[in-house]
PDB file of N, CA and C in Angstrom:
ATOM      1  N   UNK A   1      55.511  -4.819  23.427  1.00  0.00           N
ATOM      2  CA  UNK A   1      54.389  -5.873  23.681  1.00  0.00           C
ATOM      3  C   UNK A   1      53.118  -5.370  24.072  1.00  0.00           C
ATOM      4  N   UNK A   2      52.186  -6.190  23.620  1.00  0.00           N
ATOM      5  CA  UNK A   2      50.846  -5.740  24.060  1.00  0.00           C
ATOM      6  C   UNK A   2      50.294  -7.067  24.815  1.00  0.00           C
ATOM      7  N   UNK A   3      49.016  -6.482  25.667  1.00  0.00           N
ATOM      8  CA  UNK A   3      48.402  -7.618  26.293  1.00  0.00           C
ATOM      9  C   UNK A   3      46.863  -7.522  26.020  1.00  0.00           C
ATOM     10  N   UNK A   4      46.381  -8.929  25.948  1.00  0.00           N
ATOM     11  CA  UNK A   4      44.827  -9.018  25.630  1.00  0.00           C
ATOM     12  C   UNK A   4      44.193  -8.656  27.012  1.00  0.00           C
ATOM     13  N   UNK A   5      43.428  -7.638  27.117  1.00  0.00           N
ATOM     14  CA  UNK A   5      42.786  -7.150  28.226  1.00  0.00           C
ATOM     15  C   UNK A   5      41.331  -7.562  28.440  1.00  0.00           C
ATOM     16  N   UNK A   6      40.833  -7.826  27.349  1.00  0.00           N
ATOM     17  CA  UNK A   6      39.436  -8.138  27.363  1.00  0.00           C
ATOM     18  C   UNK A   6      38.716  -8.540  26.054  1.00  0.00           C
ATOM     19  N   UNK A   7      37.640  -8.819  25.689  1.00  0.00           N
ATOM     20  CA  UNK A   7      36.977  -9.278  24.367  1.00  0.00           C
ATOM     21  C   UNK A   7      35.579  -8.616  24.426  1.00  0.00           C
ATOM     22  N   UNK A   8      34.986  -8.233  23.230  1.00  0.00           N
ATOM     23  CA  UNK A   8      33.864  -7.865  23.158  1.00  0.00           C
ATOM     24  C   UNK A   8      33.023  -8.532  22.066  1.00  0.00           C
ATOM     25  N   UNK A   9      31.646  -8.988  22.044  1.00  0.00           N
ATOM     26  CA  UNK A   9      30.989  -9.497  21.043  1.00  0.00           C
ATOM     27  C   UNK A   9      30.637  -8.285  20.073  1.00  0.00           C
ATOM     28  N   UNK A  10      30.789  -8.574  18.706  1.00  0.00           N
ATOM     29  CA  UNK A  10      30.210  -7.706  17.691  1.00  0.00           C
ATOM     30  C   UNK A  10      29.363  -8.422  16.738  1.00  0.00           C
ATOM     31  N   UNK A  11      28.643  -7.812  15.618  1.00  0.00           N
ATOM     32  CA  UNK A  11      27.830  -8.415  14.815  1.00  0.00           C
ATOM     33  C   UNK A  11      28.136  -7.814  13.539  1.00  0.00           C
ATOM     34  N   UNK A  12      28.232  -8.528  12.332  1.00  0.00           N
ATOM     35  CA  UNK A  12      28.632  -8.104  10.922  1.00  0.00           C
ATOM     36  C   UNK A  12      27.231  -7.591  10.623  1.00  0.00           C
ATOM     37  N   UNK A  13      27.246  -7.009   9.300  1.00  0.00           N
ATOM     38  CA  UNK A  13      26.388  -6.377   8.659  1.00  0.00           C
ATOM     39  C   UNK A  13      25.160  -7.361   8.421  1.00  0.00           C
ATOM     40  N   UNK A  14      25.627  -8.641   8.149  1.00  0.00           N
ATOM     41  CA  UNK A  14      24.684  -9.792   7.894  1.00  0.00           C
ATOM     42  C   UNK A  14      24.080 -10.398   9.030  1.00  0.00           C
ATOM     43  N   UNK A  15      24.488  -9.909  10.311  1.00  0.00           N
ATOM     44  CA  UNK A  15      23.814 -10.543  11.625  1.00  0.00           C
ATOM     45  C   UNK A  15      24.786 -11.542  12.159  1.00  0.00           C
ATOM     46  N   UNK A  16      25.961 -11.703  11.643  1.00  0.00           N
ATOM     47  CA  UNK A  16      26.666 -13.004  12.185  1.00  0.00           C
ATOM     48  C   UNK A  16      27.491 -12.547  13.385  1.00  0.00           C
ATOM     49  N   UNK A  17      27.718 -13.216  14.559  1.00  0.00           N
ATOM     50  CA  UNK A  17      28.284 -12.588  15.638  1.00  0.00           C
ATOM     51  C   UNK A  17      29.883 -13.230  15.484  1.00  0.00           C
ATOM     52  N   UNK A  18      30.713 -12.361  16.135  1.00  0.00           N
ATOM     53  CA  UNK A  18      32.056 -12.650  16.302  1.00  0.00           C
ATOM     54  C   UNK A  18      32.672 -11.814  17.308  1.00  0.00           C
ATOM     55  N   UNK A  19      33.880 -12.001  17.746  1.00  0.00           N
ATOM     56  CA  UNK A  19      34.344 -11.654  19.022  1.00  0.00           C
ATOM     57  C   UNK A  19      35.657 -10.704  18.489  1.00  0.00           C
ATOM     58  N   UNK A  20      35.839  -9.544  19.082  1.00  0.00           N
ATOM     59  CA  UNK A  20      37.002  -8.758  18.879  1.00  0.00           C
ATOM     60  C   UNK A  20      37.854  -8.858  20.313  1.00  0.00           C
ATOM     61  N   UNK A  21      39.197  -8.889  20.464  1.00  0.00           N
ATOM     62  CA  UNK A  21      39.962  -8.662  21.345  1.00  0.00           C
ATOM     63  C   UNK A  21      40.423  -7.369  21.746  1.00  0.00           C
ATOM     64  N   UNK A  22      40.398  -7.011  22.754  1.00  0.00           N
ATOM     65  CA  UNK A  22      40.731  -5.659  23.376  1.00  0.00           C
ATOM     66  C   UNK A  22      42.261  -5.725  23.893  1.00  0.00           C
ATOM     67  N   UNK A  23      43.130  -4.935  23.009  1.00  0.00           N
ATOM     68  CA  UNK A  23      44.498  -4.962  23.253  1.00  0.00           C
ATOM     69  C   UNK A  23      45.039  -3.827  23.910  1.00  0.00           C
ATOM     70  N   UNK A  24      46.023  -3.887  24.772  1.00  0.00           N
ATOM     71  CA  UNK A  24      46.536  -2.792  25.486  1.00  0.00           C
ATOM     72  C   UNK A  24      47.871  -2.800  25.218  1.00  0.00           C
ATOM     73  N   UNK A  25      48.652  -1.640  24.961  1.00  0.00           N
ATOM     74  CA  UNK A  25      49.980  -1.523  24.805  1.00  0.00           C
ATOM     75  C   UNK A  25      50.647  -0.954  26.143  1.00  0.00           C
ATOM     76  N   UNK A  26      52.032  -0.877  25.984  1.00  0.00           N
ATOM     77  CA  UNK A  26      52.672  -0.484  27.275  1.00  0.00           C
ATOM     78  C   UNK A  26      52.332   1.032  27.748  1.00  0.00           C
ATOM     79  N   UNK A  27      52.729   1.188  28.873  1.00  0.00           N
ATOM     80  CA  UNK A  27      52.423   2.530  29.638  1.00  0.00           C
ATOM     81  C   UNK A  27      53.403   3.645  28.918  1.00  0.00           C
ATOM     82  N   UNK A  28      52.665   4.878  28.850  1.00  0.00           N
ATOM     83  CA  UNK A  28      53.166   6.066  28.097  1.00  0.00           C
ATOM     84  C   UNK A  28      53.248   7.273  28.825  1.00  0.00           C
ATOM     85  N   UNK A  29      54.237   7.844  29.310  1.00  0.00           N
ATOM     86  CA  UNK A  29      54.011   9.168  30.005  1.00  0.00           C
ATOM     87  C   UNK A  29      53.512  10.301  28.863  1.00  0.00           C
ATOM     88  N   UNK A  30      52.591  11.147  29.460  1.00  0.00           N
ATOM     89  CA  UNK A  30      51.996  12.166  28.492  1.00  0.00           C
ATOM     90  C   UNK A  30      51.865  13.372  29.503  1.00  0.00           C
ATOM     91  N   UNK A  31      52.111  14.471  28.815  1.00  0.00           N
ATOM     92  CA  UNK A  31      51.819  15.738  29.392  1.00  0.00           C
ATOM     93  C   UNK A  31      50.602  16.323  29.008  1.00  0.00           C
ATOM     94  N   UNK A  32      49.903  16.847  29.971  1.00  0.00           N
ATOM     95  CA  UNK A  32      48.408  17.300  29.502  1.00  0.00           C
ATOM     96  C   UNK A  32      48.414  18.823  28.993  1.00  0.00           C
ATOM     97  N   UNK A  33      47.843  19.076  27.785  1.00  0.00           N
ATOM     98  CA  UNK A  33      47.803  20.053  27.327  1.00  0.00           C
ATOM     99  C   UNK A  33      47.173  21.234  28.085  1.00  0.00           C
ATOM    100  N   UNK A  34      45.970  20.861  28.887  1.00  0.00           N
ATOM    101  CA  UNK A  34      45.266  21.778  29.632  1.00  0.00           C
ATOM    102  C   UNK A  34      45.901  22.116  30.823  1.00  0.00           C
ATOM    103  N   UNK A  35      46.656  21.348  31.834  1.00  0.00           N
ATOM    104  CA  UNK A  35      47.387  21.644  33.037  1.00  0.00           C
ATOM    105  C   UNK A  35      48.787  21.658  33.019  1.00  0.00           C
ATOM    106  N   UNK A  36      49.423  20.969  31.925  1.00  0.00           N
ATOM    107  CA  UNK A  36      50.753  20.893  31.976  1.00  0.00           C
ATOM    108  C   UNK A  36      51.297  19.898  32.842  1.00  0.00           C
ATOM    109  N   UNK A  37      50.511  19.153  33.494  1.00  0.00           N
ATOM    110  CA  UNK A  37      50.986  18.109  34.386  1.00  0.00           C
ATOM    111  C   UNK A  37      51.137  16.697  33.680  1.00  0.00           C
ATOM    112  N   UNK A  38      52.130  15.880  34.219  1.00  0.00           N
ATOM    113  CA  UNK A  38      52.361  14.543  33.675  1.00  0.00           C
ATOM    114  C   UNK A  38      51.280  13.580  34.200  1.00  0.00           C
ATOM    115  N   UNK A  39      50.896  12.576  33.410  1.00  0.00           N
ATOM    116  CA  UNK A  39      50.134  11.472  33.698  1.00  0.00           C
ATOM    117  C   UNK A  39      50.513  10.380  32.850  1.00  0.00           C
ATOM    118  N   UNK A  40      50.161   9.261  33.302  1.00  0.00           N
ATOM    119  CA  UNK A  40      50.249   7.819  32.418  1.00  0.00           C
ATOM    120  C   UNK A  40      49.160   7.379  31.899  1.00  0.00           C
ATOM    121  N   UNK A  41      49.405   6.894  30.566  1.00  0.00           N
ATOM    122  CA  UNK A  41      48.189   6.228  29.806  1.00  0.00           C
ATOM    123  C   UNK A  41      48.763   4.903  28.999  1.00  0.00           C
ATOM    124  N   UNK A  42      47.838   4.263  28.678  1.00  0.00           N
ATOM    125  CA  UNK A  42      48.168   3.064  27.791  1.00  0.00           C
ATOM    126  C   UNK A  42      47.338   3.058  26.499  1.00  0.00           C
ATOM    127  N   UNK A  43      47.773   3.047  25.396  1.00  0.00           N
ATOM    128  CA  UNK A  43      46.873   2.974  24.146  1.00  0.00           C
ATOM    129  C   UNK A  43      46.170   1.524  24.019  1.00  0.00           C
ATOM    130  N   UNK A  44      44.821   1.682  23.714  1.00  0.00           N
ATOM    131  CA  UNK A  44      43.918   0.549  23.335  1.00  0.00           C
ATOM    132  C   UNK A  44      43.484   0.455  22.135  1.00  0.00           C
ATOM    133  N   UNK A  45      43.165  -0.921  21.522  1.00  0.00           N
ATOM    134  CA  UNK A  45      42.271  -0.927  20.505  1.00  0.00           C
ATOM    135  C   UNK A  45      41.868  -2.270  20.255  1.00  0.00           C
ATOM    136  N   UNK A  46      40.913  -2.586  19.330  1.00  0.00           N
ATOM    137  CA  UNK A  46      40.188  -3.997  19.163  1.00  0.00           C
ATOM    138  C   UNK A  46      40.747  -4.447  17.743  1.00  0.00           C
ATOM    139  N   UNK A  47      40.900  -5.662  17.831  1.00  0.00           N
ATOM    140  CA  UNK A  47      41.267  -6.570  16.623  1.00  0.00           C
ATOM    141  C   UNK A  47      40.258  -7.906  16.568  1.00  0.00           C
ATOM    142  N   UNK A  48      39.798  -7.992  15.335  1.00  0.00           N
ATOM    143  CA  UNK A  48      38.701  -9.060  15.233  1.00  0.00           C
ATOM    144  C   UNK A  48      39.552 -10.409  15.436  1.00  0.00           C
ATOM    145  N   UNK A  49      38.708 -11.601  15.982  1.00  0.00           N
ATOM    146  CA  UNK A  49      39.190 -12.788  16.028  1.00  0.00           C
ATOM    147  C   UNK A  49      38.358 -13.766  15.316  1.00  0.00           C
ATOM    148  N   UNK A  50      38.863 -14.874  15.186  1.00  0.00           N
ATOM    149  CA  UNK A  50      38.071 -16.059  14.863  1.00  0.00           C
ATOM    150  C   UNK A  50      37.648 -17.068  16.055  1.00  0.00           C
ATOM    151  N   UNK A  51      37.871 -16.489  17.466  1.00  0.00           N
ATOM    152  CA  UNK A  51      37.974 -17.313  18.508  1.00  0.00           C
ATOM    153  C   UNK A  51      36.572 -17.274  19.017  1.00  0.00           C
ATOM    154  N   UNK A  52      36.171 -18.372  19.722  1.00  0.00           N
ATOM    155  CA  UNK A  52      34.827 -18.504  20.318  1.00  0.00           C
ATOM    156  C   UNK A  52      34.870 -17.791  21.867  1.00  0.00           C
ATOM    157  N   UNK A  53      33.757 -17.615  22.544  1.00  0.00           N
ATOM    158  CA  UNK A  53      33.793 -16.800  23.583  1.00  0.00           C
ATOM    159  C   UNK A  53      34.686 -17.485  24.702  1.00  0.00           C
ATOM    160  N   UNK A  54      34.722 -18.775  24.875  1.00  0.00           N
ATOM    161  CA  UNK A  54      35.459 -19.758  25.845  1.00  0.00           C
ATOM    162  C   UNK A  54      37.102 -19.253  25.458  1.00  0.00           C
ATOM    163  N   UNK A  55      37.352 -19.351  24.448  1.00  0.00           N
ATOM    164  CA  UNK A  55      38.755 -19.125  23.840  1.00  0.00           C
ATOM    165  C   UNK A  55      39.389 -17.724  24.441  1.00  0.00           C
ATOM    166  N   UNK A  56      38.293 -16.740  24.119  1.00  0.00           N
ATOM    167  CA  UNK A  56      38.658 -15.196  24.396  1.00  0.00           C
ATOM    168  C   UNK A  56      38.960 -15.219  25.830  1.00  0.00           C
ATOM    169  N   UNK A  57      37.940 -15.950  26.849  1.00  0.00           N
ATOM    170  CA  UNK A  57      37.983 -15.777  28.230  1.00  0.00           C
ATOM    171  C   UNK A  57      39.519 -16.434  28.554  1.00  0.00           C
ATOM    172  N   UNK A  58      39.768 -17.413  28.133  1.00  0.00           N
ATOM    173  CA  UNK A  58      41.159 -18.183  28.420  1.00  0.00           C
ATOM    174  C   UNK A  58      42.415 -17.330  27.982  1.00  0.00           C
ATOM    175  N   UNK A  59      42.251 -16.655  27.098  1.00  0.00           N
ATOM    176  CA  UNK A  59      43.585 -16.040  26.652  1.00  0.00           C
ATOM    177  C   UNK A  59      43.670 -14.440  27.282  1.00  0.00           C
ATOM    178  N   UNK A  60      42.930 -13.959  27.921  1.00  0.00           N
ATOM    179  CA  UNK A  60      42.887 -12.705  28.611  1.00  0.00           C
ATOM    180  C   UNK A  60      44.235 -12.757  29.485  1.00  0.00           C
ATOM    181  N   UNK A  61      44.949 -11.735  29.262  1.00  0.00           N
ATOM    182  CA  UNK A  61      46.282 -11.711  30.200  1.00  0.00           C
ATOM    183  C   UNK A  61      47.550 -12.116  29.089  1.00  0.00           C
ATOM    184  N   UNK A  62      47.132 -12.758  27.999  1.00  0.00           N
ATOM    185  CA  UNK A  62      48.362 -13.351  27.344  1.00  0.00           C
ATOM    186  C   UNK A  62      48.991 -11.979  26.597  1.00  0.00           C
ATOM    187  N   UNK A  63      50.338 -12.106  26.610  1.00  0.00           N
ATOM    188  CA  UNK A  63      51.449 -10.985  26.038  1.00  0.00           C
ATOM    189  C   UNK A  63      51.875 -11.444  24.604  1.00  0.00           C
ATOM    190  N   UNK A  64      51.996 -10.642  23.824  1.00  0.00           N
ATOM    191  CA  UNK A  64      52.750 -11.094  22.382  1.00  0.00           C
ATOM    192  C   UNK A  64      53.440  -9.712  21.889  1.00  0.00           C
ATOM    193  N   UNK A  65      54.236 -10.062  20.968  1.00  0.00           N
ATOM    194  CA  UNK A  65      54.774  -8.817  20.340  1.00  0.00           C
ATOM    195  C   UNK A  65      54.140  -7.861  19.502  1.00  0.00           C
ATOM    196  N   UNK A  66      54.513  -6.636  19.347  1.00  0.00           N
ATOM    197  CA  UNK A  66      53.763  -5.383  18.799  1.00  0.00           C
ATOM    198  C   UNK A  66      53.499  -4.410  19.554  1.00  0.00           C
ATOM    199  N   UNK A  67      52.868  -3.476  19.047  1.00  0.00           N
ATOM    200  CA  UNK A  67      52.618  -2.075  19.647  1.00  0.00           C
ATOM    201  C   UNK A  67      51.241  -1.723  19.071  1.00  0.00           C
ATOM    202  N   UNK A  68      50.881  -0.554  19.625  1.00  0.00           N
ATOM    203  CA  UNK A  68      49.467   0.073  19.149  1.00  0.00           C
ATOM    204  C   UNK A  68      50.002   1.501  18.831  1.00  0.00           C
ATOM    205  N   UNK A  69      49.620   1.600  17.531  1.00  0.00           N
ATOM    206  CA  UNK A  69      50.038   2.786  16.599  1.00  0.00           C
ATOM    207  C   UNK A  69      48.857   3.710  16.363  1.00  0.00           C
ATOM    208  N   UNK A  70      48.887   5.027  16.258  1.00  0.00           N
ATOM    209  CA  UNK A  70      48.067   5.970  15.524  1.00  0.00           C
ATOM    210  C   UNK A  70      48.097   5.807  13.989  1.00  0.00           C
ATOM    211  N   UNK A  71      47.117   5.455  13.347  1.00  0.00           N
ATOM    212  CA  UNK A  71      47.046   5.634  11.815  1.00  0.00           C
ATOM    213  C   UNK A  71      46.141   6.516  11.364  1.00  0.00           C
ATOM    214  N   UNK A  72      46.488   7.222  10.175  1.00  0.00           N
ATOM    215  CA  UNK A  72      45.592   8.075   9.519  1.00  0.00           C
ATOM    216  C   UNK A  72      44.519   7.463   8.922  1.00  0.00           C
ATOM    217  N   UNK A  73      43.243   7.788   8.792  1.00  0.00           N
ATOM    218  CA  UNK A  73      42.137   7.042   8.057  1.00  0.00           C
ATOM    219  C   UNK A  73      41.368   8.147   7.533  1.00  0.00           C
ATOM    220  N   UNK A  74      40.371   7.770   6.651  1.00  0.00           N
ATOM    221  CA  UNK A  74      39.392   8.793   6.179  1.00  0.00           C
ATOM    222  C   UNK A  74      38.522   9.341   7.288  1.00  0.00           C
ATOM    223  N   UNK A  75      38.438  10.572   7.146  1.00  0.00           N
ATOM    224  CA  UNK A  75      37.417  11.027   8.256  1.00  0.00           C
ATOM    225  C   UNK A  75      36.215  10.377   8.439  1.00  0.00           C
ATOM    226  N   UNK A  76      35.700  10.138   9.845  1.00  0.00           N
ATOM    227  CA  UNK A  76      34.528   9.433  10.096  1.00  0.00           C
ATOM    228  C   UNK A  76      34.010  10.253  11.525  1.00  0.00           C
ATOM    229  N   UNK A  77      32.831  10.240  11.545  1.00  0.00           N
ATOM    230  CA  UNK A  77      31.835  10.662  12.781  1.00  0.00           C
ATOM    231  C   UNK A  77      32.119   9.824  13.889  1.00  0.00           C
ATOM    232  N   UNK A  78      32.046  10.281  14.985  1.00  0.00           N
ATOM    233  CA  UNK A  78      32.307   9.488  16.322  1.00  0.00           C
ATOM    234  C   UNK A  78      31.477  10.171  17.363  1.00  0.00           C
ATOM    235  N   UNK A  79      30.461   9.538  18.058  1.00  0.00           N
ATOM    236  CA  UNK A  79      29.782  10.079  19.269  1.00  0.00           C
ATOM    237  C   UNK A  79      30.441   9.733  20.382  1.00  0.00           C
ATOM    238  N   UNK A  80      30.730  11.051  21.201  1.00  0.00           N
ATOM    239  CA  UNK A  80      31.526  10.781  22.520  1.00  0.00           C
ATOM    240  C   UNK A  80      30.413  10.051  23.473  1.00  0.00           C
ATOM    241  N   UNK A  81      30.968   9.019  24.140  1.00  0.00           N
ATOM    242  CA  UNK A  81      30.022   8.255  25.116  1.00  0.00           C
ATOM    243  C   UNK A  81      29.536   9.126  26.197  1.00  0.00           C
ATOM    244  N   UNK A  82      30.250   9.982  26.591  1.00  0.00           N
ATOM    245  CA  UNK A  82      29.823  10.803  27.996  1.00  0.00           C
ATOM    246  C   UNK A  82      28.750  11.718  27.719  1.00  0.00           C
ATOM    247  N   UNK A  83      28.770  12.327  26.444  1.00  0.00           N
ATOM    248  CA  UNK A  83      27.983  13.582  26.170  1.00  0.00           C
ATOM    249  C   UNK A  83      27.133  13.479  25.042  1.00  0.00           C
ATOM    250  N   UNK A  84      27.394  12.402  24.156  1.00  0.00           N
ATOM    251  CA  UNK A  84      26.717  12.061  22.924  1.00  0.00           C
ATOM    252  C   UNK A  84      27.125  13.146  21.810  1.00  0.00           C
ATOM    253  N   UNK A  85      28.055  13.992  21.958  1.00  0.00           N
ATOM    254  CA  UNK A  85      28.370  15.094  20.967  1.00  0.00           C
ATOM    255  C   UNK A  85      29.089  14.169  19.941  1.00  0.00           C
ATOM    256  N   UNK A  86      28.750  14.511  18.719  1.00  0.00           N
ATOM    257  CA  UNK A  86      29.285  13.897  17.504  1.00  0.00           C
ATOM    258  C   UNK A  86      30.521  14.815  17.144  1.00  0.00           C
ATOM    259  N   UNK A  87      31.820  14.173  16.898  1.00  0.00           N
ATOM    260  CA  UNK A  87      32.789  14.803  16.443  1.00  0.00           C
ATOM    261  C   UNK A  87      33.520  14.034  15.127  1.00  0.00           C
ATOM    262  N   UNK A  88      34.278  14.649  14.429  1.00  0.00           N
ATOM    263  CA  UNK A  88      34.936  14.048  13.250  1.00  0.00           C
ATOM    264  C   UNK A  88      36.381  13.813  13.520  1.00  0.00           C
ATOM    265  N   UNK A  89      36.703  12.478  13.226  1.00  0.00           N
ATOM    266  CA  UNK A  89      38.193  11.881  13.586  1.00  0.00           C
ATOM    267  C   UNK A  89      38.672  11.720  12.353  1.00  0.00           C
ATOM    268  N   UNK A  90      39.894  11.600  12.229  1.00  0.00           N
ATOM    269  CA  UNK A  90      40.894  11.092  10.976  1.00  0.00           C
ATOM    270  C   UNK A  90      41.773  10.376  11.401  1.00  0.00           C
ATOM    271  N   UNK A  91      41.943   9.789  12.679  1.00  0.00           N
ATOM    272  CA  UNK A  91      43.137   8.657  12.973  1.00  0.00           C
ATOM    273  C   UNK A  91      42.301   7.773  13.932  1.00  0.00           C
ATOM    274  N   UNK A  92      43.077   6.614  14.104  1.00  0.00           N
ATOM    275  CA  UNK A  92      42.577   5.607  15.112  1.00  0.00           C
ATOM    276  C   UNK A  92      43.785   4.768  15.417  1.00  0.00           C
ATOM    277  N   UNK A  93      43.677   4.042  16.446  1.00  0.00           N
ATOM    278  CA  UNK A  93      44.462   3.202  17.076  1.00  0.00           C
ATOM    279  C   UNK A  93      44.489   1.830  16.579  1.00  0.00           C
ATOM    280  N   UNK A  94      45.426   1.265  16.113  1.00  0.00           N
ATOM    281  CA  UNK A  94      45.613  -0.059  15.457  1.00  0.00           C
ATOM    282  C   UNK A  94      46.833  -0.764  16.041  1.00  0.00           C
ATOM    283  N   UNK A  95      46.575  -1.992  16.079  1.00  0.00           N
ATOM    284  CA  UNK A  95      47.803  -2.976  16.330  1.00  0.00           C
ATOM    285  C   UNK A  95      48.638  -3.134  15.197  1.00  0.00           C
ATOM    286  N   UNK A  96      49.898  -3.300  15.579  1.00  0.00           N
ATOM    287  CA  UNK A  96      50.984  -3.473  14.524  1.00  0.00           C
ATOM    288  C   UNK A  96      51.968  -4.552  14.927  1.00  0.00           C
ATOM    289  N   UNK A  97      52.176  -5.544  14.169  1.00  0.00           N
ATOM    290  CA  UNK A  97      52.807  -6.812  14.863  1.00  0.00           C
ATOM    291  C   UNK A  97      54.373  -6.385  14.394  1.00  0.00           C
ATOM    292  N   UNK A  98      55.169  -5.913  15.228  1.00  0.00           N
ATOM    293  CA  UNK A  98      56.695  -5.626  14.801  1.00  0.00           C
ATOM    294  C   UNK A  98      57.521  -6.512  14.280  1.00  0.00           C
ATOM    295  N   UNK A  99      57.222  -7.991  14.886  1.00  0.00           N
ATOM    296  CA  UNK A  99      57.927  -9.150  14.730  1.00  0.00           C
ATOM    297  C   UNK A  99      57.769  -9.443  13.240  1.00  0.00           C
ATOM    298  N   UNK A 100      56.570  -9.464  12.661  1.00  0.00           N
ATOM    299  CA  UNK A 100      56.425  -9.827  11.240  1.00  0.00           C
ATOM    300  C   UNK A 100      57.109  -8.718  10.285  1.00  0.00           C
ATOM    301  N   UNK A 101      57.135  -7.733  10.553  1.00  0.00           N
ATOM    302  CA  UNK A 101      57.825  -6.531   9.756  1.00  0.00           C
ATOM    303  C   UNK A 101      59.319  -7.068   9.777  1.00  0.00           C
ATOM    304  N   UNK A 102      59.699  -7.461  10.850  1.00  0.00           N
ATOM    305  CA  UNK A 102      61.057  -7.632  11.014  1.00  0.00           C
ATOM    306  C   UNK A 102      61.529  -8.850  10.074  1.00  0.00           C
ATOM    307  N   UNK A 103      60.548  -9.811  10.380  1.00  0.00           N
ATOM    308  CA  UNK A 103      60.821 -11.260   9.542  1.00  0.00           C
ATOM    309  C   UNK A 103      60.933 -10.950   8.126  1.00  0.00           C
ATOM    310  N   UNK A 104      59.856 -10.186   7.568  1.00  0.00           N
ATOM    311  CA  UNK A 104      59.614  -9.855   6.146  1.00  0.00           C
ATOM    312  C   UNK A 104      60.735  -9.187   5.663  1.00  0.00           C
ATOM    313  N   UNK A 105      61.276  -8.430   6.230  1.00  0.00           N
ATOM    314  CA  UNK A 105      62.546  -7.349   5.903  1.00  0.00           C
ATOM    315  C   UNK A 105      63.693  -8.355   5.765  1.00  0.00           C
ATOM    316  N   UNK A 106      63.846  -9.444   6.453  1.00  0.00           N
ATOM    317  CA  UNK A 106      65.029 -10.447   6.452  1.00  0.00           C
ATOM    318  C   UNK A 106      64.889 -11.551   5.624  1.00  0.00           C
ATOM    319  N   UNK A 107      63.668 -11.582   4.823  1.00  0.00           N
ATOM    320  CA  UNK A 107      63.629 -12.756   3.853  1.00  0.00           C
ATOM    321  C   UNK A 107      64.434 -12.673   2.782  1.00  0.00           C
ATOM    322  N   UNK A 108      65.048 -13.719   2.453  1.00  0.00           N
ATOM    323  CA  UNK A 108      65.957 -13.959   1.122  1.00  0.00           C
ATOM    324  C   UNK A 108      65.208 -14.584   0.049  1.00  0.00           C
ATOM    325  N   UNK A 109      65.073 -14.078  -1.088  1.00  0.00           N
ATOM    326  CA  UNK A 109      64.508 -14.811  -2.264  1.00  0.00           C
ATOM    327  C   UNK A 109      65.329 -15.972  -2.568  1.00  0.00           C
ATOM    328  N   UNK A 110      64.750 -17.088  -2.938  1.00  0.00           N
ATOM    329  CA  UNK A 110      65.195 -18.328  -3.277  1.00  0.00           C
ATOM    330  C   UNK A 110      66.120 -18.226  -4.300  1.00  0.00           C
ATOM    331  N   UNK A 111      65.977 -17.433  -5.420  1.00  0.00           N
ATOM    332  CA  UNK A 111      66.932 -17.175  -6.327  1.00  0.00           C
ATOM    333  C   UNK A 111      68.363 -16.800  -5.911  1.00  0.00           C
ATOM    334  N   UNK A 112      68.216 -15.802  -4.877  1.00  0.00           N
ATOM    335  CA  UNK A 112      69.392 -15.125  -4.415  1.00  0.00           C
ATOM    336  C   UNK A 112      70.311 -16.145  -3.546  1.00  0.00           C
ATOM    337  N   UNK A 113      69.841 -17.273  -3.078  1.00  0.00           N
ATOM    338  CA  UNK A 113      70.518 -18.216  -2.095  1.00  0.00           C
ATOM    339  C   UNK A 113      71.048 -19.166  -3.146  1.00  0.00           C
ATOM    340  N   UNK A 114      70.649 -19.516  -4.249  1.00  0.00           N
ATOM    341  CA  UNK A 114      71.097 -20.521  -5.113  1.00  0.00           C
ATOM    342  C   UNK A 114      72.231 -19.764  -5.820  1.00  0.00           C
TER     343      UNK A 114
END
């Protein structure tokens, strides 16, 4: 399950405004590479929407099926907010609707039914 935690206003290259939803997945235990101690975290990502600001406000807290997964992408540069340091990344976190995958896998072609 994922939860809508927030929303943010974004702008297209042509100057059109739209809103993205900030999604958060379930809690995951992680072991620190530096200290070896366990801590808990939750993965987050953003997903574009067609909703207006009022709708975005109303749906905060709503849960629905799916998960947030790490996907490989073409390398891109990212500025760390804390330091401004530029790093190169080749993965990102993305929402994946597992219920759609299950439904697609169980579809029977019409010709097979007849």
